[in-house]
Amino acid sequence: MEKISFSPSKDLQSLKLQIDGFNDSFEILKIKEEGLTVSYLSKLNLLQGSPLSGQINSRTLDLQFRFQGNLQKQTSRPDGKGFILEIQFHQKARFPDVLIALELAS
């Protein structure tokens, strides 16, 4: 796993990630073209490759984005404060809609 910060950047702090079937929000640590890395307090009862869908939104940027993907990896955070999940988008475009929307909104 590549090294990532456990504190989201200022831009990512304004985003809320909701995965379908879960009541709590997930903290977005990193967004890349192929997927995203999130943090959650408890371990999910999901297998690697499990399909996931959900929504990323931001009230401050007036942004809403639906995504579909699958769970690539789930590991314990080294600081002991939950788990890190890597989610790969199903979308194969060079720049996913969420990255374009974030760029336009900033």
PDB file of N, CA and C in Angstrom:
ATOM      1  N   MET A   1       0.851  -1.170   0.000  1.00  0.00           N
ATOM      2  CA  MET A   1       0.000   0.000   0.000  1.00  0.00           C
ATOM      3  C   MET A   1       0.897   1.233   0.000  1.00  0.00           C
ATOM      4  N   GLU A   2       0.578   2.194  -0.861  1.00  0.00           N
ATOM      5  CA  GLU A   2       1.359   3.413  -0.890  1.00  0.00           C
ATOM      6  C   GLU A   2       1.105   4.220   0.371  1.00  0.00           C
ATOM      7  N   LYS A   3       2.081   5.047   0.721  1.00  0.00           N
ATOM      8  CA  LYS A   3       1.962   5.849   1.936  1.00  0.00           C
ATOM      9  C   LYS A   3       0.929   6.959   1.718  1.00  0.00           C
ATOM     10  N   ILE A   4      -0.001   7.070   2.650  1.00  0.00           N
ATOM     11  CA  ILE A   4      -1.015   8.124   2.580  1.00  0.00           C
ATOM     12  C   ILE A   4      -1.121   8.793   3.937  1.00  0.00           C
ATOM     13  N   SER A   5      -1.604  10.014   3.926  1.00  0.00           N
ATOM     14  CA  SER A   5      -1.818  10.748   5.164  1.00  0.00           C
ATOM     15  C   SER A   5      -3.121  10.276   5.810  1.00  0.00           C
ATOM     16  N   PHE A   6      -3.118  10.176   7.135  1.00  0.00           N
ATOM     17  CA  PHE A   6      -4.334   9.783   7.847  1.00  0.00           C
ATOM     18  C   PHE A   6      -5.221  10.981   8.148  1.00  0.00           C
ATOM     19  N   SER A   7      -4.758  12.162   7.777  1.00  0.00           N
ATOM     20  CA  SER A   7      -5.559  13.375   7.915  1.00  0.00           C
ATOM     21  C   SER A   7      -5.898  13.870   6.517  1.00  0.00           C
ATOM     22  N   PRO A   8      -7.172  13.905   6.162  1.00  0.00           N
ATOM     23  CA  PRO A   8      -7.542  14.348   4.818  1.00  0.00           C
ATOM     24  C   PRO A   8      -7.138  15.799   4.579  1.00  0.00           C
ATOM     25  N   SER A   9      -6.845  16.123   3.323  1.00  0.00           N
ATOM     26  CA  SER A   9      -6.524  17.501   2.970  1.00  0.00           C
ATOM     27  C   SER A   9      -7.757  18.377   3.203  1.00  0.00           C
ATOM     28  N   LYS A  10      -7.541  19.673   3.198  1.00  0.00           N
ATOM     29  CA  LYS A  10      -8.638  20.623   3.411  1.00  0.00           C
ATOM     30  C   LYS A  10      -9.757  20.413   2.386  1.00  0.00           C
ATOM     31  N   ASP A  11      -9.379  20.155   1.124  1.00  0.00           N
ATOM     32  CA  ASP A  11     -10.386  19.925   0.077  1.00  0.00           C
ATOM     33  C   ASP A  11     -11.195  18.663   0.344  1.00  0.00           C
ATOM     34  N   LEU A  12     -10.527  17.607   0.795  1.00  0.00           N
ATOM     35  CA  LEU A  12     -11.221  16.340   1.029  1.00  0.00           C
ATOM     36  C   LEU A  12     -12.080  16.370   2.286  1.00  0.00           C
ATOM     37  N   GLN A  13     -11.737  17.218   3.256  1.00  0.00           N
ATOM     38  CA  GLN A  13     -12.520  17.296   4.490  1.00  0.00           C
ATOM     39  C   GLN A  13     -13.948  17.755   4.227  1.00  0.00           C
ATOM     40  N   SER A  14     -14.150  18.522   3.162  1.00  0.00           N
ATOM     41  CA  SER A  14     -15.498  19.023   2.870  1.00  0.00           C
ATOM     42  C   SER A  14     -16.367  17.976   2.176  1.00  0.00           C
ATOM     43  N   LEU A  15     -15.760  16.845   1.785  1.00  0.00           N
ATOM     44  CA  LEU A  15     -16.506  15.796   1.092  1.00  0.00           C
ATOM     45  C   LEU A  15     -17.042  14.755   2.067  1.00  0.00           C
ATOM     46  N   LYS A  16     -18.201  14.226   1.757  1.00  0.00           N
ATOM     47  CA  LYS A  16     -18.815  13.176   2.561  1.00  0.00           C
ATOM     48  C   LYS A  16     -19.019  11.960   1.663  1.00  0.00           C
ATOM     49  N   LEU A  17     -18.540  10.808   2.102  1.00  0.00           N
ATOM     50  CA  LEU A  17     -18.712   9.570   1.343  1.00  0.00           C
ATOM     51  C   LEU A  17     -19.704   8.689   2.074  1.00  0.00           C
ATOM     52  N   GLN A  18     -20.736   8.310   1.384  1.00  0.00           N
ATOM     53  CA  GLN A  18     -21.749   7.407   1.922  1.00  0.00           C
ATOM     54  C   GLN A  18     -21.779   6.172   1.040  1.00  0.00           C
ATOM     55  N   ILE A  19     -21.527   4.995   1.619  1.00  0.00           N
ATOM     56  CA  ILE A  19     -21.605   3.744   0.874  1.00  0.00           C
ATOM     57  C   ILE A  19     -22.977   3.140   1.121  1.00  0.00           C
ATOM     58  N   ASP A  20     -23.635   2.730   0.045  1.00  0.00           N
ATOM     59  CA  ASP A  20     -24.976   2.156   0.144  1.00  0.00           C
ATOM     60  C   ASP A  20     -24.981   0.986   1.129  1.00  0.00           C
ATOM     61  N   GLY A  21     -25.956   0.985   2.039  1.00  0.00           N
ATOM     62  CA  GLY A  21     -26.087  -0.082   3.021  1.00  0.00           C
ATOM     63  C   GLY A  21     -25.440   0.226   4.361  1.00  0.00           C
ATOM     64  N   PHE A  22     -24.723   1.354   4.464  1.00  0.00           N
ATOM     65  CA  PHE A  22     -24.082   1.745   5.718  1.00  0.00           C
ATOM     66  C   PHE A  22     -24.633   3.091   6.154  1.00  0.00           C
ATOM     67  N   ASN A  23     -24.924   3.216   7.448  1.00  0.00           N
ATOM     68  CA  ASN A  23     -25.490   4.457   7.966  1.00  0.00           C
ATOM     69  C   ASN A  23     -24.449   5.548   8.159  1.00  0.00           C
ATOM     70  N   ASP A  24     -23.239   5.163   8.552  1.00  0.00           N
ATOM     71  CA  ASP A  24     -22.201   6.143   8.856  1.00  0.00           C
ATOM     72  C   ASP A  24     -21.461   6.585   7.600  1.00  0.00           C
ATOM     73  N   SER A  25     -20.898   7.788   7.669  1.00  0.00           N
ATOM     74  CA  SER A  25     -20.071   8.297   6.578  1.00  0.00           C
ATOM     75  C   SER A  25     -18.655   7.755   6.708  1.00  0.00           C
ATOM     76  N   PHE A  26     -17.955   7.713   5.593  1.00  0.00           N
ATOM     77  CA  PHE A  26     -16.567   7.298   5.539  1.00  0.00           C
ATOM     78  C   PHE A  26     -15.709   8.536   5.308  1.00  0.00           C
ATOM     79  N   GLU A  27     -14.520   8.552   5.871  1.00  0.00           N
ATOM     80  CA  GLU A  27     -13.601   9.671   5.692  1.00  0.00           C
ATOM     81  C   GLU A  27     -12.740   9.404   4.454  1.00  0.00           C
ATOM     82  N   ILE A  28     -12.751  10.324   3.507  1.00  0.00           N
ATOM     83  CA  ILE A  28     -11.958  10.171   2.287  1.00  0.00           C
ATOM     84  C   ILE A  28     -10.541  10.649   2.563  1.00  0.00           C
ATOM     85  N   LEU A  29      -9.568   9.768   2.353  1.00  0.00           N
ATOM     86  CA  LEU A  29      -8.169  10.114   2.556  1.00  0.00           C
ATOM     87  C   LEU A  29      -7.485  10.509   1.251  1.00  0.00           C
ATOM     88  N   LYS A  30      -7.908   9.882   0.147  1.00  0.00           N
ATOM     89  CA  LYS A  30      -7.258  10.147  -1.137  1.00  0.00           C
ATOM     90  C   LYS A  30      -8.207   9.785  -2.277  1.00  0.00           C
ATOM     91  N   ILE A  31      -8.221  10.617  -3.325  1.00  0.00           N
ATOM     92  CA  ILE A  31      -8.975  10.318  -4.541  1.00  0.00           C
ATOM     93  C   ILE A  31      -7.980  10.269  -5.693  1.00  0.00           C
ATOM     94  N   LYS A  32      -8.039   9.182  -6.444  1.00  0.00           N
ATOM     95  CA  LYS A  32      -7.177   9.009  -7.616  1.00  0.00           C
ATOM     96  C   LYS A  32      -8.067   8.707  -8.820  1.00  0.00           C
ATOM     97  N   GLU A  33      -7.461   8.665 -10.007  1.00  0.00           N
ATOM     98  CA  GLU A  33      -8.227   8.383 -11.223  1.00  0.00           C
ATOM     99  C   GLU A  33      -8.902   7.023 -11.161  1.00  0.00           C
ATOM    100  N   GLU A  34      -8.214   6.036 -10.599  1.00  0.00           N
ATOM    101  CA  GLU A  34      -8.740   4.670 -10.615  1.00  0.00           C
ATOM    102  C   GLU A  34      -9.584   4.317  -9.393  1.00  0.00           C
ATOM    103  N   GLY A  35      -9.574   5.157  -8.371  1.00  0.00           N
ATOM    104  CA  GLY A  35     -10.364   4.828  -7.192  1.00  0.00           C
ATOM    105  C   GLY A  35     -10.102   5.777  -6.043  1.00  0.00           C
ATOM    106  N   LEU A  36     -10.471   5.339  -4.852  1.00  0.00           N
ATOM    107  CA  LEU A  36     -10.268   6.182  -3.679  1.00  0.00           C
ATOM    108  C   LEU A  36      -9.872   5.349  -2.478  1.00  0.00           C
ATOM    109  N   THR A  37      -9.272   6.035  -1.523  1.00  0.00           N
ATOM    110  CA  THR A  37      -8.863   5.417  -0.271  1.00  0.00           C
ATOM    111  C   THR A  37      -9.640   6.102   0.840  1.00  0.00           C
ATOM    112  N   VAL A  38     -10.286   5.304   1.688  1.00  0.00           N
ATOM    113  CA  VAL A  38     -11.123   5.852   2.750  1.00  0.00           C
ATOM    114  C   VAL A  38     -10.764   5.217   4.087  1.00  0.00           C
ATOM    115  N   SER A  39     -11.211   5.869   5.147  1.00  0.00           N
ATOM    116  CA  SER A  39     -11.006   5.359   6.494  1.00  0.00           C
ATOM    117  C   SER A  39     -12.368   5.162   7.147  1.00  0.00           C
ATOM    118  N   TYR A  40     -12.467   4.115   7.959  1.00  0.00           N
ATOM    119  CA  TYR A  40     -13.716   3.803   8.655  1.00  0.00           C
ATOM    120  C   TYR A  40     -13.356   3.224  10.019  1.00  0.00           C
ATOM    121  N   LEU A  41     -14.174   3.479  11.023  1.00  0.00           N
ATOM    122  CA  LEU A  41     -13.845   3.066  12.384  1.00  0.00           C
ATOM    123  C   LEU A  41     -13.872   1.565  12.613  1.00  0.00           C
ATOM    124  N   SER A  42     -14.736   0.846  11.914  1.00  0.00           N
ATOM    125  CA  SER A  42     -14.818  -0.598  12.149  1.00  0.00           C
ATOM    126  C   SER A  42     -14.558  -1.369  10.861  1.00  0.00           C
ATOM    127  N   LYS A  43     -14.241  -2.642  11.016  1.00  0.00           N
ATOM    128  CA  LYS A  43     -13.961  -3.493   9.867  1.00  0.00           C
ATOM    129  C   LYS A  43     -15.271  -3.854   9.173  1.00  0.00           C
ATOM    130  N   LEU A  44     -15.266  -3.806   7.850  1.00  0.00           N
ATOM    131  CA  LEU A  44     -16.451  -4.177   7.083  1.00  0.00           C
ATOM    132  C   LEU A  44     -16.457  -5.675   6.854  1.00  0.00           C
ATOM    133  N   ASN A  45     -17.625  -6.262   6.909  1.00  0.00           N
ATOM    134  CA  ASN A  45     -17.770  -7.694   6.679  1.00  0.00           C
ATOM    135  C   ASN A  45     -17.921  -7.938   5.170  1.00  0.00           C
ATOM    136  N   LEU A  46     -16.870  -7.581   4.425  1.00  0.00           N
ATOM    137  CA  LEU A  46     -16.873  -7.708   2.971  1.00  0.00           C
ATOM    138  C   LEU A  46     -15.593  -8.392   2.518  1.00  0.00           C
ATOM    139  N   LEU A  47     -15.689  -9.146   1.450  1.00  0.00           N
ATOM    140  CA  LEU A  47     -14.521  -9.800   0.874  1.00  0.00           C
ATOM    141  C   LEU A  47     -13.870  -8.900  -0.166  1.00  0.00           C
ATOM    142  N   GLN A  48     -12.582  -9.126  -0.396  1.00  0.00           N
ATOM    143  CA  GLN A  48     -11.894  -8.409  -1.457  1.00  0.00           C
ATOM    144  C   GLN A  48     -12.620  -8.674  -2.774  1.00  0.00           C
ATOM    145  N   GLY A  49     -12.849  -7.625  -3.542  1.00  0.00           N
ATOM    146  CA  GLY A  49     -13.576  -7.743  -4.804  1.00  0.00           C
ATOM    147  C   GLY A  49     -15.070  -7.518  -4.681  1.00  0.00           C
ATOM    148  N   SER A  50     -15.578  -7.389  -3.446  1.00  0.00           N
ATOM    149  CA  SER A  50     -17.016  -7.155  -3.253  1.00  0.00           C
ATOM    150  C   SER A  50     -17.442  -5.854  -3.931  1.00  0.00           C
ATOM    151  N   PRO A  51     -18.586  -5.871  -4.623  1.00  0.00           N
ATOM    152  CA  PRO A  51     -19.062  -4.646  -5.272  1.00  0.00           C
ATOM    153  C   PRO A  51     -19.551  -3.632  -4.240  1.00  0.00           C
ATOM    154  N   LEU A  52     -19.275  -2.368  -4.499  1.00  0.00           N
ATOM    155  CA  LEU A  52     -19.712  -1.268  -3.643  1.00  0.00           C
ATOM    156  C   LEU A  52     -20.272  -0.161  -4.521  1.00  0.00           C
ATOM    157  N   SER A  53     -21.258   0.528  -4.008  1.00  0.00           N
ATOM    158  CA  SER A  53     -21.754   1.723  -4.677  1.00  0.00           C
ATOM    159  C   SER A  53     -22.091   2.732  -3.595  1.00  0.00           C
ATOM    160  N   GLY A  54     -22.123   3.976  -3.977  1.00  0.00           N
ATOM    161  CA  GLY A  54     -22.411   4.995  -2.991  1.00  0.00           C
ATOM    162  C   GLY A  54     -22.402   6.372  -3.602  1.00  0.00           C
ATOM    163  N   GLN A  55     -22.224   7.355  -2.732  1.00  0.00           N
ATOM    164  CA  GLN A  55     -22.324   8.741  -3.154  1.00  0.00           C
ATOM    165  C   GLN A  55     -21.283   9.583  -2.438  1.00  0.00           C
ATOM    166  N   ILE A  56     -20.680  10.480  -3.187  1.00  0.00           N
ATOM    167  CA  ILE A  56     -19.787  11.485  -2.621  1.00  0.00           C
ATOM    168  C   ILE A  56     -20.502  12.810  -2.792  1.00  0.00           C
ATOM    169  N   ASN A  57     -20.586  13.586  -1.713  1.00  0.00           N
ATOM    170  CA  ASN A  57     -21.203  14.897  -1.865  1.00  0.00           C
ATOM    171  C   ASN A  57     -20.508  15.926  -0.996  1.00  0.00           C
ATOM    172  N   SER A  58     -20.760  17.174  -1.322  1.00  0.00           N
ATOM    173  CA  SER A  58     -20.200  18.297  -0.586  1.00  0.00           C
ATOM    174  C   SER A  58     -21.207  19.427  -0.607  1.00  0.00           C
ATOM    175  N   ARG A  59     -21.574  19.889   0.564  1.00  0.00           N
ATOM    176  CA  ARG A  59     -22.500  21.020   0.637  1.00  0.00           C
ATOM    177  C   ARG A  59     -21.803  22.315   0.238  1.00  0.00           C
ATOM    178  N   THR A  60     -20.530  22.444   0.589  1.00  0.00           N
ATOM    179  CA  THR A  60     -19.817  23.688   0.300  1.00  0.00           C
ATOM    180  C   THR A  60     -19.545  23.870  -1.189  1.00  0.00           C
ATOM    181  N   LEU A  61     -19.397  22.766  -1.939  1.00  0.00           N
ATOM    182  CA  LEU A  61     -19.105  22.854  -3.374  1.00  0.00           C
ATOM    183  C   LEU A  61     -20.329  22.580  -4.241  1.00  0.00           C
ATOM    184  N   ASP A  62     -21.479  22.300  -3.630  1.00  0.00           N
ATOM    185  CA  ASP A  62     -22.689  21.942  -4.375  1.00  0.00           C
ATOM    186  C   ASP A  62     -22.381  20.824  -5.371  1.00  0.00           C
ATOM    187  N   LEU A  63     -21.828  19.738  -4.845  1.00  0.00           N
ATOM    188  CA  LEU A  63     -21.357  18.623  -5.652  1.00  0.00           C
ATOM    189  C   LEU A  63     -22.002  17.336  -5.177  1.00  0.00           C
ATOM    190  N   GLN A  64     -22.432  16.514  -6.122  1.00  0.00           N
ATOM    191  CA  GLN A  64     -22.956  15.184  -5.824  1.00  0.00           C
ATOM    192  C   GLN A  64     -22.481  14.232  -6.906  1.00  0.00           C
ATOM    193  N   PHE A  65     -21.946  13.083  -6.508  1.00  0.00           N
ATOM    194  CA  PHE A  65     -21.380  12.127  -7.453  1.00  0.00           C
ATOM    195  C   PHE A  65     -21.699  10.718  -6.989  1.00  0.00           C
ATOM    196  N   ARG A  66     -22.322   9.915  -7.857  1.00  0.00           N
ATOM    197  CA  ARG A  66     -22.574   8.499  -7.567  1.00  0.00           C
ATOM    198  C   ARG A  66     -21.413   7.689  -8.119  1.00  0.00           C
ATOM    199  N   PHE A  67     -21.004   6.661  -7.391  1.00  0.00           N
ATOM    200  CA  PHE A  67     -19.930   5.818  -7.895  1.00  0.00           C
ATOM    201  C   PHE A  67     -20.290   4.349  -7.744  1.00  0.00           C
ATOM    202  N   GLN A  68     -19.647   3.536  -8.547  1.00  0.00           N
ATOM    203  CA  GLN A  68     -19.716   2.080  -8.435  1.00  0.00           C
ATOM    204  C   GLN A  68     -18.290   1.572  -8.510  1.00  0.00           C
ATOM    205  N   GLY A  69     -17.995   0.583  -7.707  1.00  0.00           N
ATOM    206  CA  GLY A  69     -16.649   0.039  -7.700  1.00  0.00           C
ATOM    207  C   GLY A  69     -16.612  -1.263  -6.934  1.00  0.00           C
ATOM    208  N   ASN A  70     -15.399  -1.650  -6.560  1.00  0.00           N
ATOM    209  CA  ASN A  70     -15.268  -2.843  -5.727  1.00  0.00           C
ATOM    210  C   ASN A  70     -14.151  -2.650  -4.716  1.00  0.00           C
ATOM    211  N   LEU A  71     -14.244  -3.401  -3.636  1.00  0.00           N
ATOM    212  CA  LEU A  71     -13.271  -3.320  -2.554  1.00  0.00           C
ATOM    213  C   LEU A  71     -11.989  -4.018  -2.988  1.00  0.00           C
ATOM    214  N   GLN A  72     -10.903  -3.272  -3.023  1.00  0.00           N
ATOM    215  CA  GLN A  72      -9.614  -3.839  -3.412  1.00  0.00           C
ATOM    216  C   GLN A  72      -8.839  -4.364  -2.214  1.00  0.00           C
ATOM    217  N   LYS A  73      -8.891  -3.606  -1.114  1.00  0.00           N
ATOM    218  CA  LYS A  73      -8.089  -3.973   0.050  1.00  0.00           C
ATOM    219  C   LYS A  73      -8.690  -3.351   1.301  1.00  0.00           C
ATOM    220  N   GLN A  74      -8.578  -4.046   2.419  1.00  0.00           N
ATOM    221  CA  GLN A  74      -9.028  -3.541   3.716  1.00  0.00           C
ATOM    222  C   GLN A  74      -7.954  -3.910   4.738  1.00  0.00           C
ATOM    223  N   THR A  75      -7.342  -2.902   5.345  1.00  0.00           N
ATOM    224  CA  THR A  75      -6.267  -3.143   6.311  1.00  0.00           C
ATOM    225  C   THR A  75      -6.476  -2.284   7.548  1.00  0.00           C
ATOM    226  N   SER A  76      -5.907  -2.717   8.656  1.00  0.00           N
ATOM    227  CA  SER A  76      -5.952  -1.932   9.890  1.00  0.00           C
ATOM    228  C   SER A  76      -5.089  -0.689   9.737  1.00  0.00           C
ATOM    229  N   ARG A  77      -5.550   0.414  10.289  1.00  0.00           N
ATOM    230  CA  ARG A  77      -4.723   1.622  10.307  1.00  0.00           C
ATOM    231  C   ARG A  77      -3.570   1.410  11.275  1.00  0.00           C
ATOM    232  N   PRO A  78      -2.372   1.826  10.920  1.00  0.00           N
ATOM    233  CA  PRO A  78      -1.228   1.664  11.825  1.00  0.00           C
ATOM    234  C   PRO A  78      -1.401   2.391  13.155  1.00  0.00           C
ATOM    235  N   ASP A  79      -2.210   3.459  13.173  1.00  0.00           N
ATOM    236  CA  ASP A  79      -2.429   4.194  14.421  1.00  0.00           C
ATOM    237  C   ASP A  79      -3.528   3.565  15.279  1.00  0.00           C
ATOM    238  N   GLY A  80      -4.126   2.460  14.806  1.00  0.00           N
ATOM    239  CA  GLY A  80      -5.136   1.745  15.581  1.00  0.00           C
ATOM    240  C   GLY A  80      -6.505   2.395  15.611  1.00  0.00           C
ATOM    241  N   LYS A  81      -6.732   3.409  14.789  1.00  0.00           N
ATOM    242  CA  LYS A  81      -8.003   4.142  14.802  1.00  0.00           C
ATOM    243  C   LYS A  81      -8.900   3.749  13.642  1.00  0.00           C
ATOM    244  N   GLY A  82      -9.093   2.449  13.458  1.00  0.00           N
ATOM    245  CA  GLY A  82     -10.005   1.986  12.425  1.00  0.00           C
ATOM    246  C   GLY A  82      -9.310   1.231  11.315  1.00  0.00           C
ATOM    247  N   PHE A  83      -9.908   1.313  10.123  1.00  0.00           N
ATOM    248  CA  PHE A  83      -9.443   0.538   8.980  1.00  0.00           C
ATOM    249  C   PHE A  83      -9.338   1.421   7.745  1.00  0.00           C
ATOM    250  N   ILE A  84      -8.445   1.046   6.852  1.00  0.00           N
ATOM    251  CA  ILE A  84      -8.275   1.730   5.579  1.00  0.00           C
ATOM    252  C   ILE A  84      -8.827   0.823   4.491  1.00  0.00           C
ATOM    253  N   LEU A  85      -9.655   1.387   3.634  1.00  0.00           N
ATOM    254  CA  LEU A  85     -10.242   0.638   2.527  1.00  0.00           C
ATOM    255  C   LEU A  85      -9.830   1.283   1.214  1.00  0.00           C
ATOM    256  N   GLU A  86      -9.416   0.462   0.279  1.00  0.00           N
ATOM    257  CA  GLU A  86      -9.133   0.937  -1.069  1.00  0.00           C
ATOM    258  C   GLU A  86     -10.262   0.462  -1.968  1.00  0.00           C
ATOM    259  N   ILE A  87     -10.886   1.404  -2.666  1.00  0.00           N
ATOM    260  CA  ILE A  87     -12.015   1.114  -3.545  1.00  0.00           C
ATOM    261  C   ILE A  87     -11.623   1.473  -4.970  1.00  0.00           C
ATOM    262  N   GLN A  88     -11.797   0.533  -5.881  1.00  0.00           N
ATOM    263  CA  GLN A  88     -11.498   0.778  -7.293  1.00  0.00           C
ATOM    264  C   GLN A  88     -12.789   1.093  -8.026  1.00  0.00           C
ATOM    265  N   PHE A  89     -12.789   2.206  -8.789  1.00  0.00           N
ATOM    266  CA  PHE A  89     -13.959   2.582  -9.577  1.00  0.00           C
ATOM    267  C   PHE A  89     -14.157   1.607 -10.724  1.00  0.00           C
ATOM    268  N   HIS A  90     -15.429   1.376 -11.103  1.00  0.00           N
ATOM    269  CA  HIS A  90     -15.726   0.593 -12.305  1.00  0.00           C
ATOM    270  C   HIS A  90     -15.520   1.425 -13.559  1.00  0.00           C
ATOM    271  N   GLN A  91     -15.695   2.744 -13.436  1.00  0.00           N
ATOM    272  CA  GLN A  91     -15.544   3.645 -14.579  1.00  0.00           C
ATOM    273  C   GLN A  91     -14.108   3.579 -15.083  1.00  0.00           C
ATOM    274  N   LYS A  92     -13.935   3.450 -16.387  1.00  0.00           N
ATOM    275  CA  LYS A  92     -12.600   3.303 -16.961  1.00  0.00           C
ATOM    276  C   LYS A  92     -12.105   4.565 -17.665  1.00  0.00           C
ATOM    277  N   ALA A  93     -12.821   5.678 -17.558  1.00  0.00           N
ATOM    278  CA  ALA A  93     -12.407   6.922 -18.201  1.00  0.00           C
ATOM    279  C   ALA A  93     -11.111   7.434 -17.578  1.00  0.00           C
ATOM    280  N   ARG A  94     -10.366   8.208 -18.336  1.00  0.00           N
ATOM    281  CA  ARG A  94      -9.092   8.744 -17.848  1.00  0.00           C
ATOM    282  C   ARG A  94      -9.295   9.600 -16.599  1.00  0.00           C
ATOM    283  N   PHE A  95     -10.295  10.460 -16.599  1.00  0.00           N
ATOM    284  CA  PHE A  95     -10.573  11.290 -15.435  1.00  0.00           C
ATOM    285  C   PHE A  95     -12.011  11.059 -14.993  1.00  0.00           C
ATOM    286  N   PRO A  96     -12.226  10.385 -13.876  1.00  0.00           N
ATOM    287  CA  PRO A  96     -13.600  10.156 -13.397  1.00  0.00           C
ATOM    288  C   PRO A  96     -14.344  11.471 -13.162  1.00  0.00           C
ATOM    289  N   ASP A  97     -15.645  11.413 -13.274  1.00  0.00           N
ATOM    290  CA  ASP A  97     -16.494  12.592 -13.109  1.00  0.00           C
ATOM    291  C   ASP A  97     -16.227  13.334 -11.811  1.00  0.00           C
ATOM    292  N   VAL A  98     -15.924  12.618 -10.740  1.00  0.00           N
ATOM    293  CA  VAL A  98     -15.713  13.284  -9.452  1.00  0.00           C
ATOM    294  C   VAL A  98     -14.479  14.180  -9.501  1.00  0.00           C
ATOM    295  N   LEU A  99     -13.422  13.775 -10.175  1.00  0.00           N
ATOM    296  CA  LEU A  99     -12.225  14.612 -10.275  1.00  0.00           C
ATOM    297  C   LEU A  99     -12.496  15.855 -11.114  1.00  0.00           C
ATOM    298  N   ILE A 100     -13.243  15.691 -12.193  1.00  0.00           N
ATOM    299  CA  ILE A 100     -13.602  16.832 -13.036  1.00  0.00           C
ATOM    300  C   ILE A 100     -14.472  17.810 -12.249  1.00  0.00           C
ATOM    301  N   ALA A 101     -15.451  17.299 -11.522  1.00  0.00           N
ATOM    302  CA  ALA A 101     -16.339  18.158 -10.725  1.00  0.00           C
ATOM    303  C   ALA A 101     -15.568  18.904  -9.645  1.00  0.00           C
ATOM    304  N   LEU A 102     -14.630  18.232  -8.982  1.00  0.00           N
ATOM    305  CA  LEU A 102     -13.824  18.892  -7.952  1.00  0.00           C
ATOM    306  C   LEU A 102     -12.973  20.004  -8.553  1.00  0.00           C
ATOM    307  N   GLU A 103     -12.400  19.749  -9.712  1.00  0.00           N
ATOM    308  CA  GLU A 103     -11.576  20.761 -10.374  1.00  0.00           C
ATOM    309  C   GLU A 103     -12.413  21.975 -10.765  1.00  0.00           C
ATOM    310  N   LEU A 104     -13.595  21.744 -11.320  1.00  0.00           N
ATOM    311  CA  LEU A 104     -14.463  22.846 -11.723  1.00  0.00           C
ATOM    312  C   LEU A 104     -14.986  23.632 -10.526  1.00  0.00           C
ATOM    313  N   ALA A 105     -15.225  22.950  -9.417  1.00  0.00           N
ATOM    314  CA  ALA A 105     -15.797  23.606  -8.239  1.00  0.00           C
ATOM    315  C   ALA A 105     -14.763  24.404  -7.454  1.00  0.00           C
ATOM    316  N   SER A 106     -13.495  24.072  -7.606  1.00  0.00           N
ATOM    317  CA  SER A 106     -12.465  24.763  -6.801  1.00  0.00           C
ATOM    318  C   SER A 106     -12.016  26.061  -7.434  1.00  0.00           C
TER     319      SER A 106
END
